[in-house]
mmCIF file of all heavy atoms, coordinates in Angstrom:
data_MODEL
# 
_entry.id   MODEL 
# 
loop_
_atom_site.group_PDB 
_atom_site.id 
_atom_site.type_symbol 
_atom_site.label_atom_id 
_atom_site.label_alt_id 
_atom_site.label_comp_id 
_atom_site.label_asym_id 
_atom_site.label_entity_id 
_atom_site.label_seq_id 
_atom_site.pdbx_PDB_ins_code 
_atom_site.Cartn_x 
_atom_site.Cartn_y 
_atom_site.Cartn_z 
_atom_site.occupancy 
_atom_site.B_iso_or_equiv 
_atom_site.pdbx_formal_charge 
_atom_site.auth_seq_id 
_atom_site.auth_comp_id 
_atom_site.auth_asym_id 
_atom_site.auth_atom_id 
_atom_site.pdbx_PDB_model_num 
ATOM 1   N N   . ILE A 1 1  ? -107.216 -103.302 -16.769 1.00 0.00 ? 1  ILE A N   1 
ATOM 2   C CA  . ILE A 1 1  ? -107.996 -103.544 -17.958 1.00 0.00 ? 1  ILE A CA  1 
ATOM 3   C C   . ILE A 1 1  ? -107.889 -102.361 -18.890 1.00 0.00 ? 1  ILE A C   1 
ATOM 4   O O   . ILE A 1 1  ? -107.582 -102.494 -20.100 1.00 0.00 ? 1  ILE A O   1 
ATOM 5   C CB  . ILE A 1 1  ? -109.519 -103.907 -17.619 1.00 0.00 ? 1  ILE A CB  1 
ATOM 6   C CG1 . ILE A 1 1  ? -109.677 -105.276 -17.005 1.00 0.00 ? 1  ILE A CG1 1 
ATOM 7   C CG2 . ILE A 1 1  ? -110.359 -103.800 -18.883 1.00 0.00 ? 1  ILE A CG2 1 
ATOM 8   C CD1 . ILE A 1 1  ? -110.977 -105.606 -16.486 1.00 0.00 ? 1  ILE A CD1 1 
ATOM 9   N N   . LYS A 1 2  ? -108.073 -101.131 -18.315 1.00 0.00 ? 2  LYS A N   1 
ATOM 10  C CA  . LYS A 1 2  ? -107.986 -99.970  -19.219 1.00 0.00 ? 2  LYS A CA  1 
ATOM 11  C C   . LYS A 1 2  ? -106.530 -99.825  -19.734 1.00 0.00 ? 2  LYS A C   1 
ATOM 12  O O   . LYS A 1 2  ? -106.377 -99.431  -20.923 1.00 0.00 ? 2  LYS A O   1 
ATOM 13  C CB  . LYS A 1 2  ? -108.349 -98.751  -18.358 1.00 0.00 ? 2  LYS A CB  1 
ATOM 14  C CG  . LYS A 1 2  ? -109.828 -98.627  -18.148 1.00 0.00 ? 2  LYS A CG  1 
ATOM 15  C CD  . LYS A 1 2  ? -110.151 -97.273  -17.400 1.00 0.00 ? 2  LYS A CD  1 
ATOM 16  C CE  . LYS A 1 2  ? -111.455 -97.185  -16.835 1.00 0.00 ? 2  LYS A CE  1 
ATOM 17  N NZ  . LYS A 1 2  ? -112.573 -97.054  -17.412 1.00 0.00 ? 2  LYS A NZ  1 
ATOM 18  N N   . GLU A 1 3  ? -105.570 -100.147 -18.918 1.00 0.00 ? 3  GLU A N   1 
ATOM 19  C CA  . GLU A 1 3  ? -104.164 -100.015 -19.328 1.00 0.00 ? 3  GLU A CA  1 
ATOM 20  C C   . GLU A 1 3  ? -103.861 -100.977 -20.516 1.00 0.00 ? 3  GLU A C   1 
ATOM 21  O O   . GLU A 1 3  ? -103.282 -100.577 -21.550 1.00 0.00 ? 3  GLU A O   1 
ATOM 22  C CB  . GLU A 1 3  ? -103.154 -100.299 -18.214 1.00 0.00 ? 3  GLU A CB  1 
ATOM 23  C CG  . GLU A 1 3  ? -101.747 -100.275 -18.538 1.00 0.00 ? 3  GLU A CG  1 
ATOM 24  C CD  . GLU A 1 3  ? -100.842 -100.629 -17.377 1.00 0.00 ? 3  GLU A CD  1 
ATOM 25  O OE1 . GLU A 1 3  ? -101.296 -101.246 -16.421 1.00 0.00 ? 3  GLU A OE1 1 
ATOM 26  O OE2 . GLU A 1 3  ? -99.664  -100.237 -17.438 1.00 0.00 ? 3  GLU A OE2 1 
ATOM 27  N N   . ILE A 1 4  ? -104.339 -102.211 -20.360 1.00 0.00 ? 4  ILE A N   1 
ATOM 28  C CA  . ILE A 1 4  ? -104.125 -103.188 -21.476 1.00 0.00 ? 4  ILE A CA  1 
ATOM 29  C C   . ILE A 1 4  ? -104.844 -102.822 -22.714 1.00 0.00 ? 4  ILE A C   1 
ATOM 30  O O   . ILE A 1 4  ? -104.301 -102.933 -23.816 1.00 0.00 ? 4  ILE A O   1 
ATOM 31  C CB  . ILE A 1 4  ? -104.448 -104.663 -20.990 1.00 0.00 ? 4  ILE A CB  1 
ATOM 32  C CG1 . ILE A 1 4  ? -103.514 -105.111 -19.880 1.00 0.00 ? 4  ILE A CG1 1 
ATOM 33  C CG2 . ILE A 1 4  ? -104.403 -105.625 -22.148 1.00 0.00 ? 4  ILE A CG2 1 
ATOM 34  C CD1 . ILE A 1 4  ? -103.895 -106.407 -19.242 1.00 0.00 ? 4  ILE A CD1 1 
ATOM 35  N N   . GLU A 1 5  ? -106.088 -102.374 -22.564 1.00 0.00 ? 5  GLU A N   1 
ATOM 36  C CA  . GLU A 1 5  ? -106.873 -101.972 -23.737 1.00 0.00 ? 5  GLU A CA  1 
ATOM 37  C C   . GLU A 1 5  ? -106.170 -100.827 -24.497 1.00 0.00 ? 5  GLU A C   1 
ATOM 38  O O   . GLU A 1 5  ? -106.132 -100.751 -25.713 1.00 0.00 ? 5  GLU A O   1 
ATOM 39  C CB  . GLU A 1 5  ? -108.294 -101.577 -23.284 1.00 0.00 ? 5  GLU A CB  1 
ATOM 40  C CG  . GLU A 1 5  ? -109.181 -102.775 -22.958 1.00 0.00 ? 5  GLU A CG  1 
ATOM 41  C CD  . GLU A 1 5  ? -110.506 -102.368 -22.354 1.00 0.00 ? 5  GLU A CD  1 
ATOM 42  O OE1 . GLU A 1 5  ? -110.722 -101.270 -21.874 1.00 0.00 ? 5  GLU A OE1 1 
ATOM 43  O OE2 . GLU A 1 5  ? -111.380 -103.239 -22.400 1.00 0.00 ? 5  GLU A OE2 1 
ATOM 44  N N   . ASN A 1 6  ? -105.635 -99.828  -23.738 1.00 0.00 ? 6  ASN A N   1 
ATOM 45  C CA  . ASN A 1 6  ? -104.971 -98.740  -24.326 1.00 0.00 ? 6  ASN A CA  1 
ATOM 46  C C   . ASN A 1 6  ? -103.617 -99.201  -25.025 1.00 0.00 ? 6  ASN A C   1 
ATOM 47  O O   . ASN A 1 6  ? -103.380 -98.770  -26.123 1.00 0.00 ? 6  ASN A O   1 
ATOM 48  C CB  . ASN A 1 6  ? -104.564 -97.654  -23.234 1.00 0.00 ? 6  ASN A CB  1 
ATOM 49  C CG  . ASN A 1 6  ? -103.994 -96.436  -23.832 1.00 0.00 ? 6  ASN A CG  1 
ATOM 50  O OD1 . ASN A 1 6  ? -104.485 -95.929  -24.775 1.00 0.00 ? 6  ASN A OD1 1 
ATOM 51  N ND2 . ASN A 1 6  ? -102.921 -95.945  -23.241 1.00 0.00 ? 6  ASN A ND2 1 
ATOM 52  N N   . ILE A 1 7  ? -102.900 -100.103 -24.415 1.00 0.00 ? 7  ILE A N   1 
ATOM 53  C CA  . ILE A 1 7  ? -101.634 -100.611 -25.002 1.00 0.00 ? 7  ILE A CA  1 
ATOM 54  C C   . ILE A 1 7  ? -102.006 -101.268 -26.342 1.00 0.00 ? 7  ILE A C   1 
ATOM 55  O O   . ILE A 1 7  ? -101.397 -101.064 -27.370 1.00 0.00 ? 7  ILE A O   1 
ATOM 56  C CB  . ILE A 1 7  ? -100.954 -101.615 -24.009 1.00 0.00 ? 7  ILE A CB  1 
ATOM 57  C CG1 . ILE A 1 7  ? -100.348 -100.823 -22.874 1.00 0.00 ? 7  ILE A CG1 1 
ATOM 58  C CG2 . ILE A 1 7  ? -99.880  -102.408 -24.790 1.00 0.00 ? 7  ILE A CG2 1 
ATOM 59  C CD1 . ILE A 1 7  ? -99.814  -101.741 -21.733 1.00 0.00 ? 7  ILE A CD1 1 
ATOM 60  N N   . LEU A 1 8  ? -102.985 -102.157 -26.281 1.00 0.00 ? 8  LEU A N   1 
ATOM 61  C CA  . LEU A 1 8  ? -103.386 -102.901 -27.519 1.00 0.00 ? 8  LEU A CA  1 
ATOM 62  C C   . LEU A 1 8  ? -104.004 -101.996 -28.594 1.00 0.00 ? 8  LEU A C   1 
ATOM 63  O O   . LEU A 1 8  ? -103.724 -102.251 -29.789 1.00 0.00 ? 8  LEU A O   1 
ATOM 64  C CB  . LEU A 1 8  ? -104.381 -104.019 -27.236 1.00 0.00 ? 8  LEU A CB  1 
ATOM 65  C CG  . LEU A 1 8  ? -103.814 -105.179 -26.333 1.00 0.00 ? 8  LEU A CG  1 
ATOM 66  C CD1 . LEU A 1 8  ? -104.898 -106.195 -25.897 1.00 0.00 ? 8  LEU A CD1 1 
ATOM 67  C CD2 . LEU A 1 8  ? -102.669 -105.949 -27.062 1.00 0.00 ? 8  LEU A CD2 1 
ATOM 68  N N   . ALA A 1 9  ? -104.690 -100.971 -28.177 1.00 0.00 ? 9  ALA A N   1 
ATOM 69  C CA  . ALA A 1 9  ? -105.287 -100.053 -29.137 1.00 0.00 ? 9  ALA A CA  1 
ATOM 70  C C   . ALA A 1 9  ? -104.178 -99.288  -29.880 1.00 0.00 ? 9  ALA A C   1 
ATOM 71  O O   . ALA A 1 9  ? -104.402 -98.874  -31.050 1.00 0.00 ? 9  ALA A O   1 
ATOM 72  C CB  . ALA A 1 9  ? -106.309 -99.109  -28.483 1.00 0.00 ? 9  ALA A CB  1 
ATOM 73  N N   . ASN A 1 10 ? -103.107 -98.986  -29.254 1.00 0.00 ? 10 ASN A N   1 
ATOM 74  C CA  . ASN A 1 10 ? -102.018 -98.237  -29.804 1.00 0.00 ? 10 ASN A CA  1 
ATOM 75  C C   . ASN A 1 10 ? -100.753 -99.076  -30.128 1.00 0.00 ? 10 ASN A C   1 
ATOM 76  O O   . ASN A 1 10 ? -99.663  -98.474  -30.336 1.00 0.00 ? 10 ASN A O   1 
ATOM 77  C CB  . ASN A 1 10 ? -101.615 -97.199  -28.766 1.00 0.00 ? 10 ASN A CB  1 
ATOM 78  C CG  . ASN A 1 10 ? -102.772 -96.144  -28.596 1.00 0.00 ? 10 ASN A CG  1 
ATOM 79  O OD1 . ASN A 1 10 ? -103.196 -95.536  -29.527 1.00 0.00 ? 10 ASN A OD1 1 
ATOM 80  N ND2 . ASN A 1 10 ? -103.152 -95.991  -27.324 1.00 0.00 ? 10 ASN A ND2 1 
ATOM 81  N N   . ALA A 1 11 ? -100.927 -100.352 -30.218 1.00 0.00 ? 11 ALA A N   1 
ATOM 82  C CA  . ALA A 1 11 ? -99.802  -101.264 -30.469 1.00 0.00 ? 11 ALA A CA  1 
ATOM 83  C C   . ALA A 1 11 ? -99.382  -101.319 -31.885 1.00 0.00 ? 11 ALA A C   1 
ATOM 84  O O   . ALA A 1 11 ? -100.283 -101.344 -32.795 1.00 0.00 ? 11 ALA A O   1 
ATOM 85  C CB  . ALA A 1 11 ? -100.063 -102.631 -29.868 1.00 0.00 ? 11 ALA A CB  1 
ATOM 86  N N   . LYS A 1 12 ? -98.151  -101.435 -32.065 1.00 0.00 ? 12 LYS A N   1 
ATOM 87  C CA  . LYS A 1 12 ? -97.580  -101.790 -33.424 1.00 0.00 ? 12 LYS A CA  1 
ATOM 88  C C   . LYS A 1 12 ? -96.956  -103.130 -33.270 1.00 0.00 ? 12 LYS A C   1 
ATOM 89  O O   . LYS A 1 12 ? -95.980  -103.290 -32.484 1.00 0.00 ? 12 LYS A O   1 
ATOM 90  C CB  . LYS A 1 12 ? -96.503  -100.796 -33.813 1.00 0.00 ? 12 LYS A CB  1 
ATOM 91  C CG  . LYS A 1 12 ? -95.877  -101.156 -35.126 1.00 0.00 ? 12 LYS A CG  1 
ATOM 92  C CD  . LYS A 1 12 ? -94.778  -100.109 -35.519 1.00 0.00 ? 12 LYS A CD  1 
ATOM 93  C CE  . LYS A 1 12 ? -94.125  -100.595 -36.806 1.00 0.00 ? 12 LYS A CE  1 
ATOM 94  N NZ  . LYS A 1 12 ? -92.933  -99.795  -37.066 1.00 0.00 ? 12 LYS A NZ  1 
ATOM 95  N N   . ILE A 1 13 ? -97.591  -104.183 -33.867 1.00 0.00 ? 13 ILE A N   1 
ATOM 96  C CA  . ILE A 1 13 ? -97.100  -105.471 -33.744 1.00 0.00 ? 13 ILE A CA  1 
ATOM 97  C C   . ILE A 1 13 ? -95.926  -105.700 -34.694 1.00 0.00 ? 13 ILE A C   1 
ATOM 98  O O   . ILE A 1 13 ? -96.117  -105.483 -35.895 1.00 0.00 ? 13 ILE A O   1 
ATOM 99  C CB  . ILE A 1 13 ? -98.211  -106.583 -34.019 1.00 0.00 ? 13 ILE A CB  1 
ATOM 100 C CG1 . ILE A 1 13 ? -99.434  -106.265 -33.115 1.00 0.00 ? 13 ILE A CG1 1 
ATOM 101 C CG2 . ILE A 1 13 ? -97.635  -107.985 -33.770 1.00 0.00 ? 13 ILE A CG2 1 
ATOM 102 C CD1 . ILE A 1 13 ? -99.263  -106.302 -31.660 1.00 0.00 ? 13 ILE A CD1 1 
ATOM 103 N N   . VAL A 1 14 ? -94.762  -106.021 -34.191 1.00 0.00 ? 14 VAL A N   1 
ATOM 104 C CA  . VAL A 1 14 ? -93.577  -106.141 -35.012 1.00 0.00 ? 14 VAL A CA  1 
ATOM 105 C C   . VAL A 1 14 ? -93.540  -107.590 -35.526 1.00 0.00 ? 14 VAL A C   1 
ATOM 106 O O   . VAL A 1 14 ? -93.543  -108.493 -34.736 1.00 0.00 ? 14 VAL A O   1 
ATOM 107 C CB  . VAL A 1 14 ? -92.337  -105.820 -34.196 1.00 0.00 ? 14 VAL A CB  1 
ATOM 108 C CG1 . VAL A 1 14 ? -91.099  -105.999 -35.008 1.00 0.00 ? 14 VAL A CG1 1 
ATOM 109 C CG2 . VAL A 1 14 ? -92.363  -104.405 -33.703 1.00 0.00 ? 14 VAL A CG2 1 
ATOM 110 N N   . ARG A 1 15 ? -93.477  -107.657 -36.828 1.00 0.00 ? 15 ARG A N   1 
ATOM 111 C CA  . ARG A 1 15 ? -93.329  -108.985 -37.489 1.00 0.00 ? 15 ARG A CA  1 
ATOM 112 C C   . ARG A 1 15 ? -91.809  -109.321 -37.535 1.00 0.00 ? 15 ARG A C   1 
ATOM 113 O O   . ARG A 1 15 ? -90.986  -108.442 -37.713 1.00 0.00 ? 15 ARG A O   1 
ATOM 114 C CB  . ARG A 1 15 ? -93.749  -108.901 -38.930 1.00 0.00 ? 15 ARG A CB  1 
ATOM 115 C CG  . ARG A 1 15 ? -95.262  -108.443 -39.000 1.00 0.00 ? 15 ARG A CG  1 
ATOM 116 C CD  . ARG A 1 15 ? -96.181  -109.637 -38.814 1.00 0.00 ? 15 ARG A CD  1 
ATOM 117 N NE  . ARG A 1 15 ? -97.545  -109.217 -38.913 1.00 0.00 ? 15 ARG A NE  1 
ATOM 118 C CZ  . ARG A 1 15 ? -98.468  -109.346 -37.941 1.00 0.00 ? 15 ARG A CZ  1 
ATOM 119 N NH1 . ARG A 1 15 ? -98.115  -109.925 -36.803 1.00 0.00 ? 15 ARG A NH1 1 
ATOM 120 N NH2 . ARG A 1 15 ? -99.655  -108.932 -38.139 1.00 0.00 ? 15 ARG A NH2 1 
ATOM 121 N N   . GLU A 1 16 ? -91.519  -110.580 -37.314 1.00 0.00 ? 16 GLU A N   1 
ATOM 122 C CA  . GLU A 1 16 ? -90.157  -110.973 -37.312 1.00 0.00 ? 16 GLU A CA  1 
ATOM 123 C C   . GLU A 1 16 ? -89.566  -110.892 -38.692 1.00 0.00 ? 16 GLU A C   1 
ATOM 124 O O   . GLU A 1 16 ? -90.261  -111.083 -39.704 1.00 0.00 ? 16 GLU A O   1 
ATOM 125 C CB  . GLU A 1 16 ? -90.013  -112.432 -36.833 1.00 0.00 ? 16 GLU A CB  1 
ATOM 126 C CG  . GLU A 1 16 ? -90.801  -112.829 -35.611 1.00 0.00 ? 16 GLU A CG  1 
ATOM 127 C CD  . GLU A 1 16 ? -90.560  -111.899 -34.384 1.00 0.00 ? 16 GLU A CD  1 
ATOM 128 O OE1 . GLU A 1 16 ? -89.484  -111.259 -34.305 1.00 0.00 ? 16 GLU A OE1 1 
ATOM 129 O OE2 . GLU A 1 16 ? -91.363  -111.816 -33.522 1.00 0.00 ? 16 GLU A OE2 1 
ATOM 130 N N   . SER A 1 17 ? -88.332  -110.433 -38.719 1.00 0.00 ? 17 SER A N   1 
ATOM 131 C CA  . SER A 1 17 ? -87.690  -110.275 -40.062 1.00 0.00 ? 17 SER A CA  1 
ATOM 132 C C   . SER A 1 17 ? -87.421  -111.625 -40.688 1.00 0.00 ? 17 SER A C   1 
ATOM 133 O O   . SER A 1 17 ? -87.123  -112.583 -40.011 1.00 0.00 ? 17 SER A O   1 
ATOM 134 C CB  . SER A 1 17 ? -86.280  -109.603 -39.799 1.00 0.00 ? 17 SER A CB  1 
ATOM 135 O OG  . SER A 1 17 ? -85.593  -109.551 -41.006 1.00 0.00 ? 17 SER A OG  1 
ATOM 136 N N   . THR A 1 18 ? -87.555  -111.699 -41.996 1.00 0.00 ? 18 THR A N   1 
ATOM 137 C CA  . THR A 1 18 ? -87.329  -112.954 -42.701 1.00 0.00 ? 18 THR A CA  1 
ATOM 138 C C   . THR A 1 18 ? -86.076  -112.920 -43.539 1.00 0.00 ? 18 THR A C   1 
ATOM 139 O O   . THR A 1 18 ? -85.729  -113.798 -44.261 1.00 0.00 ? 18 THR A O   1 
ATOM 140 C CB  . THR A 1 18 ? -88.585  -113.328 -43.585 1.00 0.00 ? 18 THR A CB  1 
ATOM 141 O OG1 . THR A 1 18 ? -88.725  -112.245 -44.501 1.00 0.00 ? 18 THR A OG1 1 
ATOM 142 C CG2 . THR A 1 18 ? -89.748  -113.620 -42.766 1.00 0.00 ? 18 THR A CG2 1 
ATOM 143 N N   . ASN A 1 19 ? -85.335  -111.775 -43.381 1.00 0.00 ? 19 ASN A N   1 
ATOM 144 C CA  . ASN A 1 19 ? -84.108  -111.630 -44.203 1.00 0.00 ? 19 ASN A CA  1 
ATOM 145 C C   . ASN A 1 19 ? -83.050  -112.609 -43.727 1.00 0.00 ? 19 ASN A C   1 
ATOM 146 O O   . ASN A 1 19 ? -83.012  -113.065 -42.596 1.00 0.00 ? 19 ASN A O   1 
ATOM 147 C CB  . ASN A 1 19 ? -83.627  -110.194 -44.238 1.00 0.00 ? 19 ASN A CB  1 
ATOM 148 C CG  . ASN A 1 19 ? -83.104  -109.685 -42.878 1.00 0.00 ? 19 ASN A CG  1 
ATOM 149 O OD1 . ASN A 1 19 ? -82.710  -110.451 -42.094 1.00 0.00 ? 19 ASN A OD1 1 
ATOM 150 N ND2 . ASN A 1 19 ? -83.168  -108.354 -42.723 1.00 0.00 ? 19 ASN A ND2 1 
ATOM 151 N N   . ASN A 1 20 ? -82.138  -112.890 -44.610 1.00 0.00 ? 20 ASN A N   1 
ATOM 152 C CA  . ASN A 1 20 ? -81.107  -113.828 -44.257 1.00 0.00 ? 20 ASN A CA  1 
ATOM 153 C C   . ASN A 1 20 ? -79.856  -113.166 -43.643 1.00 0.00 ? 20 ASN A C   1 
ATOM 154 O O   . ASN A 1 20 ? -78.839  -113.798 -43.370 1.00 0.00 ? 20 ASN A O   1 
ATOM 155 C CB  . ASN A 1 20 ? -80.622  -114.642 -45.491 1.00 0.00 ? 20 ASN A CB  1 
ATOM 156 C CG  . ASN A 1 20 ? -81.800  -115.548 -45.978 1.00 0.00 ? 20 ASN A CG  1 
ATOM 157 O OD1 . ASN A 1 20 ? -82.519  -116.064 -45.147 1.00 0.00 ? 20 ASN A OD1 1 
ATOM 158 N ND2 . ASN A 1 20 ? -81.908  -115.725 -47.262 1.00 0.00 ? 20 ASN A ND2 1 
ATOM 159 N N   . ASP A 1 21 ? -79.925  -111.849 -43.531 1.00 0.00 ? 21 ASP A N   1 
ATOM 160 C CA  . ASP A 1 21 ? -78.741  -111.113 -42.988 1.00 0.00 ? 21 ASP A CA  1 
ATOM 161 C C   . ASP A 1 21 ? -78.526  -111.355 -41.510 1.00 0.00 ? 21 ASP A C   1 
ATOM 162 O O   . ASP A 1 21 ? -77.476  -111.087 -40.985 1.00 0.00 ? 21 ASP A O   1 
ATOM 163 C CB  . ASP A 1 21 ? -78.939  -109.596 -43.253 1.00 0.00 ? 21 ASP A CB  1 
ATOM 164 C CG  . ASP A 1 21 ? -78.880  -109.250 -44.727 1.00 0.00 ? 21 ASP A CG  1 
ATOM 165 O OD1 . ASP A 1 21 ? -78.295  -109.992 -45.484 1.00 0.00 ? 21 ASP A OD1 1 
ATOM 166 O OD2 . ASP A 1 21 ? -79.399  -108.220 -45.094 1.00 0.00 ? 21 ASP A OD2 1 
ATOM 167 N N   . LYS A 1 22 ? -79.582  -111.804 -40.795 1.00 0.00 ? 22 LYS A N   1 
ATOM 168 C CA  . LYS A 1 22 ? -79.458  -111.995 -39.423 1.00 0.00 ? 22 LYS A CA  1 
ATOM 169 C C   . LYS A 1 22 ? -79.000  -110.753 -38.692 1.00 0.00 ? 22 LYS A C   1 
ATOM 170 O O   . LYS A 1 22 ? -77.984  -110.623 -38.076 1.00 0.00 ? 22 LYS A O   1 
ATOM 171 C CB  . LYS A 1 22 ? -78.536  -113.184 -39.021 1.00 0.00 ? 22 LYS A CB  1 
ATOM 172 C CG  . LYS A 1 22 ? -79.142  -114.499 -39.335 1.00 0.00 ? 22 LYS A CG  1 
ATOM 173 C CD  . LYS A 1 22 ? -78.559  -115.562 -38.410 1.00 0.00 ? 22 LYS A CD  1 
ATOM 174 C CE  . LYS A 1 22 ? -79.427  -116.730 -38.350 1.00 0.00 ? 22 LYS A CE  1 
ATOM 175 N NZ  . LYS A 1 22 ? -79.126  -117.623 -37.265 1.00 0.00 ? 22 LYS A NZ  1 
ATOM 176 N N   . VAL A 1 23 ? -79.837  -109.754 -38.794 1.00 0.00 ? 23 VAL A N   1 
ATOM 177 C CA  . VAL A 1 23 ? -79.584  -108.445 -38.204 1.00 0.00 ? 23 VAL A CA  1 
ATOM 178 C C   . VAL A 1 23 ? -80.441  -108.388 -36.890 1.00 0.00 ? 23 VAL A C   1 
ATOM 179 O O   . VAL A 1 23 ? -81.607  -108.753 -36.919 1.00 0.00 ? 23 VAL A O   1 
ATOM 180 C CB  . VAL A 1 23 ? -80.008  -107.259 -39.110 1.00 0.00 ? 23 VAL A CB  1 
ATOM 181 C CG1 . VAL A 1 23 ? -79.909  -105.973 -38.461 1.00 0.00 ? 23 VAL A CG1 1 
ATOM 182 C CG2 . VAL A 1 23 ? -79.135  -107.329 -40.393 1.00 0.00 ? 23 VAL A CG2 1 
ATOM 183 N N   . VAL A 1 24 ? -79.888  -107.878 -35.811 1.00 0.00 ? 24 VAL A N   1 
ATOM 184 C CA  . VAL A 1 24 ? -80.630  -107.764 -34.593 1.00 0.00 ? 24 VAL A CA  1 
ATOM 185 C C   . VAL A 1 24 ? -81.760  -106.812 -34.708 1.00 0.00 ? 24 VAL A C   1 
ATOM 186 O O   . VAL A 1 24 ? -81.567  -105.637 -35.194 1.00 0.00 ? 24 VAL A O   1 
ATOM 187 C CB  . VAL A 1 24 ? -79.664  -107.349 -33.380 1.00 0.00 ? 24 VAL A CB  1 
ATOM 188 C CG1 . VAL A 1 24 ? -80.468  -107.136 -32.128 1.00 0.00 ? 24 VAL A CG1 1 
ATOM 189 C CG2 . VAL A 1 24 ? -78.585  -108.319 -33.253 1.00 0.00 ? 24 VAL A CG2 1 
ATOM 190 N N   . GLY A 1 25 ? -82.941  -107.146 -34.263 1.00 0.00 ? 25 GLY A N   1 
ATOM 191 C CA  . GLY A 1 25 ? -84.077  -106.266 -34.226 1.00 0.00 ? 25 GLY A CA  1 
ATOM 192 C C   . GLY A 1 25 ? -84.986  -106.791 -33.103 1.00 0.00 ? 25 GLY A C   1 
ATOM 193 O O   . GLY A 1 25 ? -84.741  -107.737 -32.393 1.00 0.00 ? 25 GLY A O   1 
ATOM 194 N N   . ILE A 1 26 ? -86.219  -106.159 -33.020 1.00 0.00 ? 26 ILE A N   1 
ATOM 195 C CA  . ILE A 1 26 ? -87.207  -106.597 -32.057 1.00 0.00 ? 26 ILE A CA  1 
ATOM 196 C C   . ILE A 1 26 ? -87.553  -107.986 -32.347 1.00 0.00 ? 26 ILE A C   1 
ATOM 197 O O   . ILE A 1 26 ? -87.848  -108.400 -33.467 1.00 0.00 ? 26 ILE A O   1 
ATOM 198 C CB  . ILE A 1 26 ? -88.354  -105.681 -31.964 1.00 0.00 ? 26 ILE A CB  1 
ATOM 199 C CG1 . ILE A 1 26 ? -87.924  -104.333 -31.462 1.00 0.00 ? 26 ILE A CG1 1 
ATOM 200 C CG2 . ILE A 1 26 ? -89.500  -106.220 -31.081 1.00 0.00 ? 26 ILE A CG2 1 
ATOM 201 C CD1 . ILE A 1 26 ? -88.997  -103.263 -31.439 1.00 0.00 ? 26 ILE A CD1 1 
ATOM 202 N N   . GLY A 1 27 ? -87.577  -108.862 -31.391 1.00 0.00 ? 27 GLY A N   1 
ATOM 203 C CA  . GLY A 1 27 ? -87.918  -110.279 -31.498 1.00 0.00 ? 27 GLY A CA  1 
ATOM 204 C C   . GLY A 1 27 ? -86.672  -111.160 -31.653 1.00 0.00 ? 27 GLY A C   1 
ATOM 205 O O   . GLY A 1 27 ? -86.766  -112.378 -31.596 1.00 0.00 ? 27 GLY A O   1 
# 
């Protein structure tokens, strides 16, 4: 529980790219 709370408190949620270049990234 503490580990997950720490992860979520320090998380950067990556939004999926909407560009048409189709470049590899997270997600």
